Amino acid sequence: MSCPTLMTNRLTLRAHGVADFDSSLALWSDPEVVRFIGGKTATAEEVWARLLRYSGHWALLGFGFWTIHEAATGAFVGEAGLADFRRAITPPLGPDPEAGWVLAPQAHGRGYAREAVSAILGWADETLQAARTTCIIDPLNAPSLKLADKLGYRAFARGLYRGDEVVMLERARPGAGLYVMREEV
C-alpha cells in the first residue's frame, strides 16, 4: 500500500519524499525537538536513513509516517504516523502498530499534533483494523502525555528503552472491545 494523503481542516498529511529531506533534517537536528526523544540531535545521514525507513514501512507493512503541512501555506510542521520499529524495549510492546508524532517548535501549542494524529488513528481504525495501537513517551514530556490522554491512550507500564525510562501507553480501537491493561501505572 502506498501512503494515502489525509486532509484535515488545517493540515495536509502526505508521504515523505526526497524534497522533504531538508525540512526533516531541520526538525531532527533541533535540540528542543529531540529533548524528550533520545536527547540527541540527528545527523544528515541519520535523517536520510529515517526517510528510507518511513518509505519502507509503507512498502512492507502498509502503514507508516506522514509529513504534516499547513493546508493554507504548505509549510512543513512535523511528522506523525504508525510504525513497527521492533524496539528492544522492556517490557516488549508487542506486534501492534506504534504511534508517534513530532512537531517543529513553531507549530507547538496550536493543536496540530492532535489534529494530525486523530486523522491518522481514524485512518488506522478503518483501514488496519488492529485491536490496539501503542506509544512510548518520556515521563517528563507532559505535553505529549496530555495529548496521548486526549487521543485515548492509557498507560499500561513503565519501561526502559535505550537505558531511559518511558511510559508505555495503549489505545484500543473503537469497537474492538476493551483491552485488558497489564499493569496500573
Protein backbone atom coordinates (compact mmCIF):
# COMPACT_ATOMS: atom_id res chain seq x y z
CA MET A 1 0.00 0.00 0.00
CA SER A 2 1.24 3.47 -0.75
CA CYS A 3 0.87 6.30 1.72
CA PRO A 4 -2.53 7.98 1.32
CA THR A 5 -2.90 11.73 1.63
CA LEU A 6 -5.03 12.73 4.61
CA MET A 7 -6.69 16.13 4.88
CA THR A 8 -7.98 17.87 8.00
CA ASN A 9 -9.40 21.36 8.44
CA ARG A 10 -5.93 22.89 8.75
CA LEU A 11 -3.47 20.20 7.69
CA THR A 12 -2.35 18.03 4.81
CA LEU A 13 -0.62 14.77 5.70
CA ARG A 14 1.29 13.13 2.84
CA ALA A 15 4.08 10.71 2.09
CA HIS A 16 7.70 11.65 2.65
CA GLY A 17 9.72 12.39 -0.45
CA VAL A 18 13.29 13.39 -1.24
CA ALA A 19 12.13 17.03 -1.28
CA ASP A 20 11.29 16.71 2.44
CA PHE A 21 14.86 15.92 3.44
CA ASP A 22 15.90 19.49 4.37
CA SER A 23 12.74 20.09 6.43
CA SER A 24 13.13 16.76 8.19
CA LEU A 25 16.81 17.45 8.86
CA ALA A 26 15.95 20.85 10.37
CA LEU A 27 13.32 19.17 12.55
CA TRP A 28 15.50 16.33 13.85
CA SER A 29 18.61 18.49 14.34
CA ASP A 30 16.76 20.91 16.64
CA PRO A 31 17.74 20.29 20.31
CA GLU A 32 14.28 21.38 21.52
CA VAL A 33 12.61 18.79 19.27
CA VAL A 34 14.73 15.85 20.45
CA ARG A 35 14.87 16.85 24.13
CA PHE A 36 12.38 14.08 25.04
CA ILE A 37 13.17 11.81 22.08
CA GLY A 38 16.55 10.42 22.99
CA GLY A 39 18.06 13.86 23.64
CA LYS A 40 20.49 13.67 20.70
CA THR A 41 20.16 15.67 17.51
CA ALA A 42 20.31 13.72 14.26
CA THR A 43 22.92 13.93 11.53
CA ALA A 44 22.09 14.22 7.84
CA GLU A 45 22.96 10.53 7.46
CA GLU A 46 20.56 9.54 10.26
CA VAL A 47 17.73 11.64 8.83
CA TRP A 48 18.27 10.12 5.39
CA ALA A 49 18.02 6.64 6.95
CA ARG A 50 14.85 7.76 8.75
CA LEU A 51 13.24 8.84 5.45
CA LEU A 52 14.13 5.49 3.89
CA ARG A 53 12.70 3.67 6.93
CA TYR A 54 9.45 5.64 6.60
CA SER A 55 9.14 4.61 2.93
CA GLY A 56 9.98 1.02 3.83
CA HIS A 57 7.16 0.86 6.34
CA TRP A 58 4.63 1.75 3.65
CA ALA A 59 6.12 -0.67 1.14
CA LEU A 60 6.38 -3.63 3.50
CA LEU A 61 3.66 -3.10 6.12
CA GLY A 62 1.00 -0.88 4.56
CA PHE A 63 1.36 1.81 7.20
CA GLY A 64 3.98 4.34 8.23
CA PHE A 65 4.65 8.01 8.86
CA TRP A 66 3.35 11.10 7.12
CA THR A 67 4.77 14.60 6.76
CA ILE A 68 2.48 17.25 8.25
CA HIS A 69 1.94 20.52 6.35
CA GLU A 70 -0.27 23.53 6.97
CA ALA A 71 -3.02 23.32 4.37
CA ALA A 72 -3.16 27.10 3.87
CA THR A 73 0.57 27.72 3.42
CA GLY A 74 2.08 24.32 2.61
CA ALA A 75 4.62 24.87 5.41
CA PHE A 76 6.17 21.71 6.85
CA VAL A 77 5.28 21.47 10.55
CA GLY A 78 6.22 17.92 11.52
CA GLU A 79 5.87 14.18 11.12
CA ALA A 80 3.48 11.62 12.60
CA GLY A 81 2.34 8.11 11.94
CA LEU A 82 2.45 4.46 12.85
CA ALA A 83 5.42 2.13 12.81
CA ASP A 84 6.80 -1.24 13.73
CA PHE A 85 10.27 -0.35 14.99
CA ARG A 86 10.87 -3.77 16.60
CA ARG A 87 12.18 -1.91 19.62
CA ALA A 88 14.41 -3.71 22.09
CA ILE A 89 12.28 -2.48 24.99
CA THR A 90 11.45 -3.99 28.35
CA PRO A 91 8.65 -4.96 28.66
CA PRO A 92 8.03 -5.55 24.94
CA LEU A 93 5.38 -3.51 23.15
CA GLY A 94 4.15 -6.45 21.12
CA PRO A 95 3.17 -6.58 17.45
CA ASP A 96 0.71 -3.68 17.45
CA PRO A 97 1.42 -0.51 15.43
CA GLU A 98 3.23 2.15 17.46
CA ALA A 99 2.06 5.75 17.08
CA GLY A 100 4.49 8.63 17.11
CA TRP A 101 4.43 12.36 16.50
CA VAL A 102 6.92 15.20 16.40
CA LEU A 103 6.31 18.84 15.55
CA ALA A 104 8.60 21.74 14.83
CA PRO A 105 8.77 24.24 17.73
CA GLN A 106 6.91 26.94 15.77
CA ALA A 107 3.95 24.54 15.49
CA HIS A 108 3.73 23.72 19.21
CA GLY A 109 0.61 24.73 21.11
CA ARG A 110 -1.60 25.08 18.04
CA GLY A 111 -3.41 21.74 18.24
CA TYR A 112 -1.70 20.43 15.11
CA ALA A 113 -0.44 17.22 16.74
CA ARG A 114 -3.91 16.32 18.00
CA GLU A 115 -5.46 17.11 14.62
CA ALA A 116 -2.87 15.10 12.69
CA VAL A 117 -2.76 12.08 14.99
CA SER A 118 -6.56 11.98 15.24
CA ALA A 119 -6.72 11.76 11.44
CA ILE A 120 -4.07 9.02 11.43
CA LEU A 121 -5.83 7.00 14.12
CA GLY A 122 -9.14 7.37 12.26
CA TRP A 123 -7.46 6.06 9.11
CA ALA A 124 -5.84 3.21 11.08
CA ASP A 125 -9.08 2.24 12.84
CA GLU A 126 -10.82 1.95 9.50
CA THR A 127 -8.01 0.51 7.38
CA LEU A 128 -5.73 -1.56 9.60
CA GLN A 129 -8.32 -2.94 11.99
CA ALA A 130 -5.60 -3.52 14.61
CA ALA A 131 -7.11 -4.18 18.04
CA ARG A 132 -4.85 -1.55 19.55
CA THR A 133 -2.03 0.89 18.93
CA THR A 134 0.74 1.73 21.37
CA CYS A 135 3.14 4.58 22.00
CA ILE A 136 6.05 5.36 24.30
CA ILE A 137 6.64 8.75 25.87
CA ASP A 138 9.33 10.17 28.14
CA PRO A 139 7.71 10.57 31.59
CA LEU A 140 8.87 14.22 31.69
CA ASN A 141 7.19 15.09 28.38
CA ALA A 142 3.98 16.48 29.88
CA PRO A 143 2.59 17.91 26.58
CA SER A 144 2.85 14.55 24.78
CA LEU A 145 1.40 12.66 27.75
CA LYS A 146 -1.53 15.10 27.80
CA LEU A 147 -2.05 14.66 24.06
CA ALA A 148 -1.90 10.86 24.35
CA ASP A 149 -4.59 11.02 27.03
CA LYS A 150 -6.82 13.17 24.79
CA LEU A 151 -6.32 10.64 21.98
CA GLY A 152 -7.49 7.80 24.21
CA TYR A 153 -4.14 6.30 25.20
CA ARG A 154 -3.78 4.84 28.69
CA ALA A 155 -0.56 3.90 30.46
CA PHE A 156 -0.06 0.18 30.96
CA ALA A 157 3.58 0.00 32.06
CA ARG A 158 6.82 1.83 32.67
CA GLY A 159 9.64 0.51 30.58
CA LEU A 160 13.27 1.01 29.67
CA TYR A 161 14.29 1.95 26.17
CA ARG A 162 17.98 2.50 25.44
CA GLY A 163 18.53 2.94 29.18
CA ASP A 164 15.89 5.65 29.60
CA GLU A 165 12.57 5.27 31.38
CA VAL A 166 9.46 5.58 29.19
CA VAL A 167 5.74 5.43 29.82
CA MET A 168 4.17 2.74 27.67
CA LEU A 169 0.64 3.51 26.54
CA GLU A 170 -2.07 1.73 24.56
CA ARG A 171 -5.30 2.70 22.81
CA ALA A 172 -7.99 0.19 21.92
CA ARG A 173 -9.56 0.57 18.51
CA PRO A 174 -13.17 1.67 18.99
CA GLY A 175 -15.39 -1.38 18.66
CA ALA A 176 -12.50 -3.79 19.24
CA GLY A 177 -13.59 -4.41 22.82
CA LEU A 178 -11.79 -3.43 25.95
CA TYR A 179 -8.12 -4.19 26.08
CA VAL A 180 -7.10 -5.51 29.47
CA MET A 181 -4.40 -3.36 30.98
CA ARG A 182 -1.47 -5.43 32.15
CA GLU A 183 -0.42 -3.08 34.91
CA GLU A 184 -1.68 0.08 36.56
CA VAL A 185 0.78 2.94 36.16
